[in-house]
N, C-alpha and C. Protein backbone atom coordinates (compact mmCIF):
# COMPACT_ATOMS: atom_id res chain seq x y z
N UNK A 1 25.50 -7.99 -3.16
CA UNK A 1 24.24 -7.53 -2.59
C UNK A 1 24.42 -6.11 -2.04
N UNK A 2 23.61 -5.16 -2.51
CA UNK A 2 23.76 -3.78 -2.05
C UNK A 2 23.07 -3.56 -0.70
N UNK A 3 23.24 -2.35 -0.15
CA UNK A 3 22.72 -2.05 1.19
C UNK A 3 21.21 -2.22 1.29
N UNK A 4 20.49 -1.83 0.23
CA UNK A 4 19.03 -1.96 0.26
C UNK A 4 18.61 -3.43 0.25
N UNK A 5 19.30 -4.24 -0.52
CA UNK A 5 18.99 -5.68 -0.58
C UNK A 5 19.25 -6.35 0.77
N UNK A 6 20.33 -5.96 1.42
CA UNK A 6 20.65 -6.51 2.75
C UNK A 6 19.57 -6.11 3.75
N UNK A 7 19.15 -4.84 3.69
CA UNK A 7 18.11 -4.33 4.58
C UNK A 7 16.78 -5.06 4.33
N UNK A 8 16.44 -5.25 3.06
CA UNK A 8 15.21 -5.98 2.72
C UNK A 8 15.23 -7.40 3.30
N UNK A 9 16.36 -8.07 3.14
CA UNK A 9 16.49 -9.45 3.63
C UNK A 9 16.26 -9.50 5.14
N UNK A 10 16.87 -8.54 5.85
CA UNK A 10 16.76 -8.48 7.31
C UNK A 10 15.30 -8.21 7.72
N UNK A 11 14.64 -7.27 7.07
CA UNK A 11 13.25 -6.92 7.40
C UNK A 11 12.30 -8.07 7.06
N UNK A 12 12.53 -8.73 5.93
CA UNK A 12 11.70 -9.89 5.55
C UNK A 12 11.83 -11.01 6.58
N UNK A 13 13.06 -11.25 7.04
CA UNK A 13 13.30 -12.32 8.02
C UNK A 13 12.59 -12.00 9.34
N UNK A 14 12.63 -10.73 9.74
CA UNK A 14 11.96 -10.34 10.99
C UNK A 14 10.45 -10.50 10.85
N UNK A 15 9.92 -10.03 9.71
CA UNK A 15 8.47 -10.11 9.50
C UNK A 15 7.98 -11.55 9.43
N UNK A 16 8.82 -12.43 8.89
CA UNK A 16 8.45 -13.86 8.76
C UNK A 16 8.24 -14.52 10.12
N UNK A 17 8.82 -13.94 11.18
CA UNK A 17 8.67 -14.51 12.52
C UNK A 17 7.38 -14.08 13.21
N UNK A 18 6.66 -13.12 12.62
CA UNK A 18 5.42 -12.65 13.24
C UNK A 18 4.36 -13.74 13.20
N UNK A 19 3.54 -13.78 14.23
CA UNK A 19 2.44 -14.74 14.27
C UNK A 19 1.19 -14.12 13.64
N UNK A 20 0.21 -14.94 13.37
CA UNK A 20 -1.07 -14.45 12.85
C UNK A 20 -1.69 -13.49 13.87
N UNK A 21 -1.50 -13.79 15.16
CA UNK A 21 -2.01 -12.92 16.22
C UNK A 21 -1.36 -11.53 16.14
N UNK A 22 -0.04 -11.48 15.97
CA UNK A 22 0.68 -10.20 15.83
C UNK A 22 0.11 -9.39 14.66
N UNK A 23 -0.04 -10.07 13.53
CA UNK A 23 -0.55 -9.43 12.32
C UNK A 23 -1.97 -8.92 12.52
N UNK A 24 -2.83 -9.74 13.13
CA UNK A 24 -4.23 -9.39 13.33
C UNK A 24 -4.38 -8.18 14.25
N UNK A 25 -3.67 -8.18 15.37
CA UNK A 25 -3.77 -7.08 16.34
C UNK A 25 -3.33 -5.77 15.69
N UNK A 26 -2.18 -5.78 15.03
CA UNK A 26 -1.66 -4.56 14.37
C UNK A 26 -2.62 -4.09 13.28
N UNK A 27 -3.13 -5.03 12.48
CA UNK A 27 -4.05 -4.68 11.39
C UNK A 27 -5.34 -4.06 11.93
N UNK A 28 -5.86 -4.59 13.04
CA UNK A 28 -7.08 -4.04 13.63
C UNK A 28 -6.87 -2.61 14.12
N UNK A 29 -5.73 -2.37 14.78
CA UNK A 29 -5.43 -1.02 15.29
C UNK A 29 -5.28 -0.02 14.14
N UNK A 30 -4.63 -0.45 13.08
CA UNK A 30 -4.44 0.42 11.91
C UNK A 30 -5.79 0.69 11.23
N UNK A 31 -6.62 -0.33 11.13
CA UNK A 31 -7.96 -0.17 10.54
C UNK A 31 -8.76 0.88 11.29
N UNK A 32 -8.74 0.82 12.62
CA UNK A 32 -9.48 1.79 13.44
C UNK A 32 -9.03 3.23 13.16
N UNK A 33 -7.71 3.40 13.02
CA UNK A 33 -7.19 4.74 12.70
C UNK A 33 -7.62 5.19 11.31
N UNK A 34 -7.47 4.29 10.37
CA UNK A 34 -7.68 4.66 8.97
C UNK A 34 -9.13 5.01 8.66
N UNK A 35 -10.08 4.22 9.18
CA UNK A 35 -11.48 4.47 8.83
C UNK A 35 -12.01 5.77 9.46
N UNK A 36 -11.25 6.33 10.42
CA UNK A 36 -11.62 7.62 10.99
C UNK A 36 -10.88 8.78 10.30
N UNK A 37 -9.97 8.44 9.40
CA UNK A 37 -9.17 9.46 8.71
C UNK A 37 -10.03 10.17 7.65
N UNK A 38 -9.98 11.51 7.60
CA UNK A 38 -10.79 12.26 6.62
C UNK A 38 -10.52 11.85 5.17
N UNK A 39 -9.28 11.49 4.86
CA UNK A 39 -8.97 11.08 3.47
C UNK A 39 -9.74 9.81 3.10
N UNK A 40 -9.84 8.88 4.03
CA UNK A 40 -10.62 7.66 3.79
C UNK A 40 -12.10 8.00 3.71
N UNK A 41 -12.58 8.79 4.65
CA UNK A 41 -14.01 9.09 4.74
C UNK A 41 -14.52 9.85 3.50
N UNK A 42 -13.69 10.73 2.96
CA UNK A 42 -14.11 11.54 1.80
C UNK A 42 -13.90 10.81 0.47
N UNK A 43 -13.15 9.72 0.48
CA UNK A 43 -12.79 9.05 -0.76
C UNK A 43 -13.94 8.22 -1.34
N UNK A 44 -13.88 8.04 -2.64
CA UNK A 44 -14.83 7.16 -3.33
C UNK A 44 -14.10 5.98 -3.97
N UNK A 45 -12.91 6.25 -4.51
CA UNK A 45 -12.14 5.22 -5.24
C UNK A 45 -10.89 4.87 -4.43
N UNK A 46 -10.88 3.67 -3.88
CA UNK A 46 -9.80 3.24 -2.98
C UNK A 46 -9.10 2.01 -3.54
N UNK A 47 -7.77 2.08 -3.60
CA UNK A 47 -6.99 0.90 -3.98
C UNK A 47 -6.38 0.31 -2.71
N UNK A 48 -6.45 -1.00 -2.60
CA UNK A 48 -5.87 -1.70 -1.46
C UNK A 48 -4.98 -2.81 -2.01
N UNK A 49 -4.77 -3.84 -1.24
CA UNK A 49 -3.96 -4.98 -1.68
C UNK A 49 -4.37 -6.19 -0.84
N UNK A 50 -4.01 -7.36 -1.31
CA UNK A 50 -4.22 -8.59 -0.55
C UNK A 50 -2.91 -8.89 0.17
N UNK A 51 -2.96 -8.98 1.50
CA UNK A 51 -1.74 -9.17 2.30
C UNK A 51 -1.13 -10.55 2.07
N UNK A 52 0.19 -10.56 1.95
CA UNK A 52 0.95 -11.82 1.90
C UNK A 52 2.13 -11.69 2.86
N UNK A 53 2.69 -12.80 3.28
CA UNK A 53 3.90 -12.81 4.11
C UNK A 53 3.83 -11.88 5.32
N UNK A 54 2.76 -11.97 6.07
CA UNK A 54 2.57 -11.22 7.32
C UNK A 54 2.52 -9.69 7.13
N UNK A 55 2.21 -9.21 5.93
CA UNK A 55 2.00 -7.77 5.75
C UNK A 55 0.78 -7.34 6.56
N UNK A 56 0.69 -6.04 6.84
CA UNK A 56 -0.52 -5.51 7.46
C UNK A 56 -1.68 -5.84 6.53
N UNK A 57 -2.75 -6.38 7.11
CA UNK A 57 -3.87 -6.88 6.31
C UNK A 57 -4.99 -5.83 6.23
N UNK A 58 -5.27 -5.31 5.03
CA UNK A 58 -6.34 -4.32 4.88
C UNK A 58 -7.73 -4.91 4.63
N UNK A 59 -7.92 -6.19 4.92
CA UNK A 59 -9.20 -6.85 4.61
C UNK A 59 -10.39 -6.14 5.26
N UNK A 60 -10.28 -5.76 6.54
CA UNK A 60 -11.41 -5.09 7.21
C UNK A 60 -11.63 -3.69 6.63
N UNK A 61 -10.56 -3.05 6.20
CA UNK A 61 -10.67 -1.74 5.56
C UNK A 61 -11.47 -1.87 4.27
N UNK A 62 -11.17 -2.90 3.50
CA UNK A 62 -11.89 -3.14 2.24
C UNK A 62 -13.38 -3.39 2.53
N UNK A 63 -13.66 -4.22 3.52
CA UNK A 63 -15.06 -4.52 3.87
C UNK A 63 -15.79 -3.26 4.35
N UNK A 64 -15.09 -2.43 5.12
CA UNK A 64 -15.68 -1.17 5.59
C UNK A 64 -15.96 -0.25 4.40
N UNK A 65 -15.06 -0.21 3.46
CA UNK A 65 -15.24 0.62 2.25
C UNK A 65 -16.48 0.15 1.48
N UNK A 66 -16.63 -1.16 1.32
CA UNK A 66 -17.82 -1.68 0.64
C UNK A 66 -19.10 -1.27 1.37
N UNK A 67 -19.07 -1.38 2.71
CA UNK A 67 -20.26 -1.01 3.50
C UNK A 67 -20.61 0.48 3.33
N UNK A 68 -19.58 1.29 3.08
CA UNK A 68 -19.78 2.73 2.88
C UNK A 68 -20.02 3.07 1.41
N UNK A 69 -20.24 2.04 0.59
CA UNK A 69 -20.53 2.20 -0.85
C UNK A 69 -19.39 2.88 -1.61
N UNK A 70 -18.16 2.56 -1.20
CA UNK A 70 -16.99 3.04 -1.91
C UNK A 70 -16.55 1.97 -2.91
N UNK A 71 -15.88 2.39 -3.96
CA UNK A 71 -15.37 1.46 -4.97
C UNK A 71 -13.95 1.04 -4.60
N UNK A 72 -13.71 -0.27 -4.54
CA UNK A 72 -12.39 -0.79 -4.18
C UNK A 72 -11.69 -1.40 -5.40
N UNK A 73 -10.38 -1.25 -5.42
CA UNK A 73 -9.55 -1.75 -6.51
C UNK A 73 -8.35 -2.48 -5.94
N UNK A 74 -7.87 -3.47 -6.68
CA UNK A 74 -6.65 -4.18 -6.32
C UNK A 74 -5.65 -4.08 -7.46
N UNK A 75 -4.35 -4.11 -7.12
CA UNK A 75 -3.34 -4.05 -8.19
C UNK A 75 -3.24 -5.38 -8.94
N UNK A 76 -3.04 -5.25 -10.25
CA UNK A 76 -2.79 -6.41 -11.11
C UNK A 76 -1.47 -6.12 -11.82
N UNK A 77 -0.54 -7.04 -11.70
CA UNK A 77 0.79 -6.85 -12.28
C UNK A 77 0.75 -7.07 -13.79
N UNK A 78 1.19 -6.04 -14.52
CA UNK A 78 1.22 -6.14 -15.99
C UNK A 78 2.47 -5.42 -16.48
N UNK A 79 3.40 -6.17 -17.07
CA UNK A 79 4.61 -5.58 -17.66
C UNK A 79 5.32 -4.59 -16.74
N UNK A 80 5.65 -5.03 -15.55
CA UNK A 80 6.43 -4.26 -14.57
C UNK A 80 5.70 -3.03 -14.01
N UNK A 81 4.39 -2.93 -14.29
CA UNK A 81 3.59 -1.86 -13.69
C UNK A 81 2.35 -2.49 -13.06
N UNK A 82 1.65 -1.67 -12.30
CA UNK A 82 0.40 -2.13 -11.69
C UNK A 82 -0.78 -1.50 -12.41
N UNK A 83 -1.75 -2.34 -12.72
CA UNK A 83 -3.02 -1.87 -13.27
C UNK A 83 -4.02 -2.10 -12.14
N UNK A 84 -4.90 -1.13 -11.91
CA UNK A 84 -5.85 -1.27 -10.79
C UNK A 84 -7.22 -1.67 -11.33
N UNK A 85 -7.66 -2.83 -10.86
CA UNK A 85 -8.91 -3.41 -11.33
C UNK A 85 -9.91 -3.50 -10.18
N UNK A 86 -11.17 -3.30 -10.50
CA UNK A 86 -12.21 -3.27 -9.47
C UNK A 86 -12.27 -4.60 -8.71
N UNK A 87 -12.57 -4.48 -7.41
CA UNK A 87 -12.65 -5.65 -6.55
C UNK A 87 -13.98 -5.58 -5.81
N UNK A 88 -14.85 -6.56 -6.09
CA UNK A 88 -16.18 -6.59 -5.47
C UNK A 88 -16.30 -7.79 -4.54
N UNK A 89 -17.29 -7.71 -3.68
CA UNK A 89 -17.54 -8.78 -2.71
C UNK A 89 -17.74 -10.13 -3.42
N UNK A 90 -17.13 -11.16 -2.85
CA UNK A 90 -17.22 -12.54 -3.37
C UNK A 90 -16.61 -12.73 -4.77
N UNK A 91 -15.81 -11.77 -5.21
CA UNK A 91 -15.18 -11.90 -6.52
C UNK A 91 -14.04 -12.92 -6.45
N UNK A 92 -14.00 -13.89 -7.37
CA UNK A 92 -12.88 -14.85 -7.36
C UNK A 92 -11.58 -14.16 -7.80
N UNK A 93 -10.49 -14.49 -7.13
CA UNK A 93 -9.19 -13.90 -7.45
C UNK A 93 -8.28 -14.96 -8.06
N UNK A 94 -7.34 -14.51 -8.88
CA UNK A 94 -6.40 -15.41 -9.56
C UNK A 94 -4.99 -15.07 -9.09
N UNK A 95 -4.19 -16.07 -8.75
CA UNK A 95 -2.82 -15.80 -8.27
C UNK A 95 -1.88 -15.49 -9.43
N UNK A 96 -1.06 -14.46 -9.26
CA UNK A 96 -0.08 -14.10 -10.29
C UNK A 96 1.23 -14.88 -10.08
N UNK A 97 2.28 -14.51 -10.82
CA UNK A 97 3.55 -15.26 -10.75
C UNK A 97 4.23 -15.16 -9.39
N UNK A 98 3.85 -14.16 -8.58
CA UNK A 98 4.41 -14.03 -7.24
C UNK A 98 3.47 -14.62 -6.18
N UNK A 99 2.44 -15.33 -6.66
CA UNK A 99 1.46 -15.99 -5.77
C UNK A 99 0.57 -14.97 -5.04
N UNK A 100 0.43 -13.78 -5.63
CA UNK A 100 -0.41 -12.73 -5.04
C UNK A 100 -1.78 -12.76 -5.74
N UNK A 101 -2.86 -12.87 -5.00
CA UNK A 101 -4.19 -12.90 -5.62
C UNK A 101 -4.55 -11.57 -6.29
N UNK A 102 -5.09 -11.69 -7.50
CA UNK A 102 -5.49 -10.51 -8.28
C UNK A 102 -6.91 -10.70 -8.82
N UNK A 103 -7.65 -9.60 -9.01
CA UNK A 103 -8.97 -9.72 -9.64
C UNK A 103 -8.84 -9.92 -11.15
N UNK A 104 -9.87 -10.46 -11.78
CA UNK A 104 -9.81 -10.61 -13.24
C UNK A 104 -9.84 -9.24 -13.92
N UNK A 105 -9.17 -9.14 -15.06
CA UNK A 105 -9.10 -7.86 -15.79
C UNK A 105 -10.12 -7.81 -16.91
N UNK A 106 -10.73 -6.64 -17.07
CA UNK A 106 -11.55 -6.36 -18.26
C UNK A 106 -11.46 -4.86 -18.49
N UNK A 107 -11.74 -4.42 -19.69
CA UNK A 107 -11.58 -3.00 -20.01
C UNK A 107 -12.43 -2.09 -19.12
N UNK A 108 -13.62 -2.56 -18.72
CA UNK A 108 -14.50 -1.72 -17.90
C UNK A 108 -14.17 -1.80 -16.40
N UNK A 109 -13.26 -2.73 -16.02
CA UNK A 109 -12.94 -2.89 -14.59
C UNK A 109 -11.76 -2.03 -14.14
N UNK A 110 -11.08 -1.40 -15.09
CA UNK A 110 -9.82 -0.71 -14.78
C UNK A 110 -10.04 0.77 -14.48
N UNK A 111 -9.26 1.28 -13.52
CA UNK A 111 -9.24 2.71 -13.23
C UNK A 111 -7.79 3.19 -13.38
N UNK A 112 -7.63 4.37 -13.96
CA UNK A 112 -6.29 4.95 -14.08
C UNK A 112 -5.79 5.33 -12.69
N UNK A 113 -4.51 5.11 -12.39
CA UNK A 113 -3.98 5.46 -11.07
C UNK A 113 -4.25 6.91 -10.66
N UNK A 114 -4.26 7.82 -11.62
CA UNK A 114 -4.48 9.24 -11.30
C UNK A 114 -5.91 9.52 -10.84
N UNK A 115 -6.84 8.60 -11.07
CA UNK A 115 -8.24 8.80 -10.67
C UNK A 115 -8.56 8.19 -9.31
N UNK A 116 -7.60 7.49 -8.72
CA UNK A 116 -7.81 6.93 -7.38
C UNK A 116 -7.75 8.05 -6.34
N UNK A 117 -8.58 7.94 -5.32
CA UNK A 117 -8.56 8.93 -4.23
C UNK A 117 -7.51 8.56 -3.18
N UNK A 118 -7.55 7.30 -2.74
CA UNK A 118 -6.64 6.81 -1.71
C UNK A 118 -6.05 5.49 -2.18
N UNK A 119 -4.75 5.33 -1.95
CA UNK A 119 -4.07 4.07 -2.30
C UNK A 119 -3.39 3.56 -1.04
N UNK A 120 -3.76 2.37 -0.60
CA UNK A 120 -3.13 1.72 0.55
C UNK A 120 -1.95 0.90 0.03
N UNK A 121 -0.78 1.17 0.57
CA UNK A 121 0.44 0.60 0.01
C UNK A 121 1.16 -0.28 1.03
N UNK A 122 1.51 -1.53 0.64
CA UNK A 122 2.30 -2.38 1.54
C UNK A 122 3.77 -1.93 1.50
N UNK A 123 4.53 -2.29 2.50
CA UNK A 123 5.94 -1.90 2.52
C UNK A 123 6.76 -2.80 3.44
N UNK A 124 8.07 -2.68 3.30
CA UNK A 124 9.00 -3.39 4.19
C UNK A 124 9.58 -2.45 5.23
N UNK A 125 9.78 -1.19 4.83
CA UNK A 125 10.34 -0.19 5.74
C UNK A 125 9.91 1.20 5.31
N UNK A 126 10.01 2.16 6.22
CA UNK A 126 9.65 3.55 5.91
C UNK A 126 10.42 4.49 6.81
N UNK A 127 10.45 5.76 6.41
CA UNK A 127 11.05 6.80 7.26
C UNK A 127 9.98 7.84 7.60
N UNK A 128 10.32 8.69 8.55
CA UNK A 128 9.44 9.79 8.98
C UNK A 128 8.98 10.68 7.84
N UNK A 129 9.84 10.85 6.83
CA UNK A 129 9.50 11.77 5.74
C UNK A 129 8.90 11.07 4.52
N UNK A 130 8.24 9.94 4.75
CA UNK A 130 7.45 9.31 3.69
C UNK A 130 8.19 8.42 2.73
N UNK A 131 9.48 8.18 2.97
CA UNK A 131 10.20 7.27 2.09
C UNK A 131 9.73 5.84 2.35
N UNK A 132 9.60 5.07 1.27
CA UNK A 132 9.11 3.69 1.36
C UNK A 132 10.13 2.73 0.80
N UNK A 133 10.41 1.68 1.57
CA UNK A 133 11.25 0.60 1.08
C UNK A 133 10.32 -0.57 0.78
N UNK A 134 10.22 -0.90 -0.51
CA UNK A 134 9.37 -2.01 -0.93
C UNK A 134 10.20 -3.27 -1.14
N UNK A 135 9.63 -4.21 -1.88
CA UNK A 135 10.30 -5.49 -2.11
C UNK A 135 11.39 -5.40 -3.18
N UNK A 136 11.45 -4.28 -3.89
CA UNK A 136 12.53 -4.09 -4.86
C UNK A 136 12.10 -4.20 -6.31
N UNK A 137 10.84 -4.52 -6.55
CA UNK A 137 10.37 -4.64 -7.94
C UNK A 137 10.09 -3.30 -8.61
N UNK A 138 9.85 -2.26 -7.82
CA UNK A 138 9.59 -0.92 -8.37
C UNK A 138 8.21 -0.75 -8.97
N UNK A 139 7.29 -1.69 -8.70
CA UNK A 139 5.96 -1.66 -9.34
C UNK A 139 5.16 -0.42 -8.94
N UNK A 140 5.12 -0.12 -7.64
CA UNK A 140 4.37 1.06 -7.19
C UNK A 140 5.03 2.34 -7.69
N UNK A 141 6.37 2.38 -7.67
CA UNK A 141 7.07 3.58 -8.13
C UNK A 141 6.80 3.85 -9.62
N UNK A 142 6.81 2.81 -10.44
CA UNK A 142 6.53 3.00 -11.87
C UNK A 142 5.07 3.42 -12.08
N UNK A 143 4.17 2.83 -11.34
CA UNK A 143 2.74 3.11 -11.52
C UNK A 143 2.35 4.52 -11.09
N UNK A 144 3.07 5.07 -10.11
CA UNK A 144 2.75 6.40 -9.61
C UNK A 144 3.85 7.42 -9.89
N UNK A 145 4.67 7.14 -10.91
CA UNK A 145 5.78 8.04 -11.25
C UNK A 145 5.29 9.42 -11.67
N UNK A 146 4.04 9.50 -12.15
CA UNK A 146 3.49 10.81 -12.55
C UNK A 146 3.42 11.78 -11.37
N UNK A 147 3.43 11.26 -10.15
CA UNK A 147 3.38 12.12 -8.96
C UNK A 147 4.69 12.87 -8.73
N UNK A 148 5.74 12.46 -9.44
CA UNK A 148 7.04 13.11 -9.30
C UNK A 148 7.19 14.30 -10.25
N UNK A 149 6.21 14.50 -11.13
CA UNK A 149 6.30 15.57 -12.13
C UNK A 149 5.68 16.86 -11.60
N UNK A 150 6.52 17.78 -11.15
CA UNK A 150 6.03 19.09 -10.70
C UNK A 150 5.35 19.03 -9.35
N UNK A 151 4.35 19.90 -9.18
CA UNK A 151 3.64 20.01 -7.90
C UNK A 151 2.80 18.76 -7.68
N UNK A 152 2.92 18.19 -6.51
CA UNK A 152 2.19 16.94 -6.19
C UNK A 152 0.69 17.23 -6.08
N UNK A 153 -0.14 16.51 -6.86
CA UNK A 153 -1.59 16.70 -6.74
C UNK A 153 -2.13 16.13 -5.43
N UNK A 154 -3.33 16.57 -5.05
CA UNK A 154 -3.95 16.10 -3.79
C UNK A 154 -4.31 14.62 -3.87
N UNK A 155 -4.59 14.14 -5.09
CA UNK A 155 -4.96 12.73 -5.29
C UNK A 155 -4.08 12.15 -6.39
N UNK A 156 -3.77 10.88 -6.30
CA UNK A 156 -4.12 9.94 -5.24
C UNK A 156 -3.28 10.18 -3.98
N UNK A 157 -3.88 9.89 -2.84
CA UNK A 157 -3.24 10.05 -1.54
C UNK A 157 -2.69 8.69 -1.14
N UNK A 158 -1.37 8.56 -1.10
CA UNK A 158 -0.74 7.27 -0.85
C UNK A 158 -0.48 7.07 0.64
N UNK A 159 -1.06 6.02 1.20
CA UNK A 159 -0.91 5.72 2.63
C UNK A 159 -0.24 4.36 2.80
N UNK A 160 0.92 4.35 3.42
CA UNK A 160 1.61 3.10 3.73
C UNK A 160 1.04 2.48 4.99
N UNK A 161 0.83 1.18 4.97
CA UNK A 161 0.36 0.45 6.16
C UNK A 161 1.54 -0.35 6.70
N UNK A 162 1.91 -0.08 7.95
CA UNK A 162 3.16 -0.65 8.46
C UNK A 162 3.09 -0.99 9.94
N UNK A 163 3.99 -1.87 10.34
CA UNK A 163 4.23 -2.10 11.77
C UNK A 163 5.16 -0.99 12.26
N UNK A 164 5.03 -0.61 13.51
CA UNK A 164 5.90 0.43 14.06
C UNK A 164 7.38 0.04 13.96
N UNK A 165 7.70 -1.25 14.12
CA UNK A 165 9.10 -1.67 14.06
C UNK A 165 9.70 -1.51 12.66
N UNK A 166 8.87 -1.27 11.65
CA UNK A 166 9.39 -1.09 10.28
C UNK A 166 9.91 0.32 10.04
N UNK A 167 9.74 1.20 11.03
CA UNK A 167 10.24 2.57 10.89
C UNK A 167 11.76 2.57 10.95
N UNK A 168 12.38 3.20 9.96
CA UNK A 168 13.84 3.26 9.85
C UNK A 168 14.30 4.71 9.99
N UNK A 169 15.50 4.90 10.52
CA UNK A 169 16.04 6.27 10.62
C UNK A 169 16.28 6.81 9.22
N UNK A 170 16.85 5.98 8.36
CA UNK A 170 17.10 6.38 6.97
C UNK A 170 17.50 5.14 6.17
N UNK A 171 17.44 5.28 4.86
CA UNK A 171 18.00 4.27 3.96
C UNK A 171 18.27 4.98 2.64
N UNK A 172 19.07 4.36 1.82
CA UNK A 172 19.46 4.99 0.57
C UNK A 172 18.28 4.97 -0.41
N UNK A 173 17.79 6.17 -0.74
CA UNK A 173 16.65 6.23 -1.67
C UNK A 173 17.14 6.57 -3.07
N UNK A 174 16.26 6.38 -4.05
CA UNK A 174 16.59 6.66 -5.46
C UNK A 174 15.67 7.77 -5.98
N UNK A 175 16.10 8.41 -7.06
CA UNK A 175 15.35 9.54 -7.62
C UNK A 175 13.96 9.13 -8.08
N UNK A 176 13.79 7.84 -8.45
CA UNK A 176 12.48 7.39 -8.95
C UNK A 176 11.54 6.90 -7.84
N UNK A 177 12.02 6.88 -6.60
CA UNK A 177 11.16 6.46 -5.48
C UNK A 177 10.05 7.48 -5.26
N UNK A 178 8.81 7.02 -5.24
CA UNK A 178 7.66 7.90 -5.02
C UNK A 178 7.35 7.95 -3.52
N UNK A 179 7.48 9.12 -2.89
CA UNK A 179 7.20 9.20 -1.45
C UNK A 179 5.72 9.01 -1.14
N UNK A 180 5.45 8.50 0.04
CA UNK A 180 4.08 8.33 0.53
C UNK A 180 3.60 9.64 1.15
N UNK A 181 2.28 9.87 1.11
CA UNK A 181 1.70 11.03 1.79
C UNK A 181 1.69 10.82 3.30
N UNK A 182 1.48 9.55 3.70
CA UNK A 182 1.37 9.25 5.12
C UNK A 182 1.64 7.76 5.34
N UNK A 183 1.97 7.43 6.58
CA UNK A 183 2.14 6.04 6.99
C UNK A 183 1.36 5.85 8.28
N UNK A 184 0.58 4.78 8.35
CA UNK A 184 -0.14 4.45 9.58
C UNK A 184 0.43 3.16 10.13
N UNK A 185 0.79 3.19 11.43
CA UNK A 185 1.22 1.98 12.12
C UNK A 185 0.22 1.72 13.24
N UNK A 186 0.43 0.63 13.96
CA UNK A 186 -0.47 0.32 15.08
C UNK A 186 -0.32 1.33 16.22
N UNK A 187 0.75 2.14 16.18
CA UNK A 187 0.99 3.10 17.26
C UNK A 187 0.89 4.56 16.83
N UNK A 188 1.18 4.85 15.57
CA UNK A 188 1.31 6.25 15.15
C UNK A 188 0.77 6.51 13.75
N UNK A 189 0.56 7.81 13.49
CA UNK A 189 0.22 8.30 12.16
C UNK A 189 1.34 9.25 11.76
N UNK A 190 2.07 8.92 10.70
CA UNK A 190 3.17 9.75 10.23
C UNK A 190 2.74 10.49 8.97
N UNK A 191 2.74 11.80 9.02
CA UNK A 191 2.32 12.62 7.89
C UNK A 191 3.54 13.21 7.21
N UNK A 192 3.62 13.04 5.90
CA UNK A 192 4.70 13.62 5.13
C UNK A 192 4.34 15.09 4.87
N UNK A 193 5.06 16.01 5.47
CA UNK A 193 4.73 17.45 5.36
C UNK A 193 5.52 18.15 4.26
N UNK A 194 6.22 17.38 3.44
CA UNK A 194 7.09 18.01 2.42
C UNK A 194 6.35 18.42 1.15
N UNK A 195 5.08 18.04 1.01
CA UNK A 195 4.34 18.41 -0.22
C UNK A 195 3.69 19.77 -0.05
C-alpha cells in the first residue's frame, strides 16, 4: 500500500465517523458561501454530484441552481471517465457499480466537460494550492485532463467541497492530477492563485 492509499484509508475512516448532523451543518455553511460566489451566480451550466459516505452534500446548491433557472448536471461513469448528464427536478436516478446514483443517459442529455461553467467536486483531502486527493479512481482527472494542456481556460471552474479537517499540508501528487480552482469548506474559501 503506497502513501496515498494509506492517507485515503485514514481520511475515509475519519469521515465515516461523522454524523448526519456534522454533514448537514458543514454542507449548509458551504452552500451559503457558494451561492454568493460570483462564479456560481454568473454560471448557467453547473455540474454537481450526489453525496455518499458523509461527503459534503450539494443538494441545496442544486435546488438553488434550479430556482435560478440554471442547468444542472451529474457525472455518469463510463469507461473510466465521467460523462455529464442533465439532472432535473424529480428525475429518477439509477445506481452505478459503486452504488452512486446517476441520471439516465441520452444523446441530448449530455454536455461536454469543456462547456460546463462550474463543476462541484467531491474529495478526500486537499492542499492550499488546489491539489485534490480523491478516492483513487482518477475519474475527474481523466475527464478534465484537457485543462492541463497549456494555459488554463476560465471555464470550467472546478470547486472542491470539503470539510476544514480535510486540509492537508501536502501529499504526493502526480503529473495527471488536475488542480482545483478553489476549495470551499465550512470555515474558509481557498483560492488557487497559480493559474
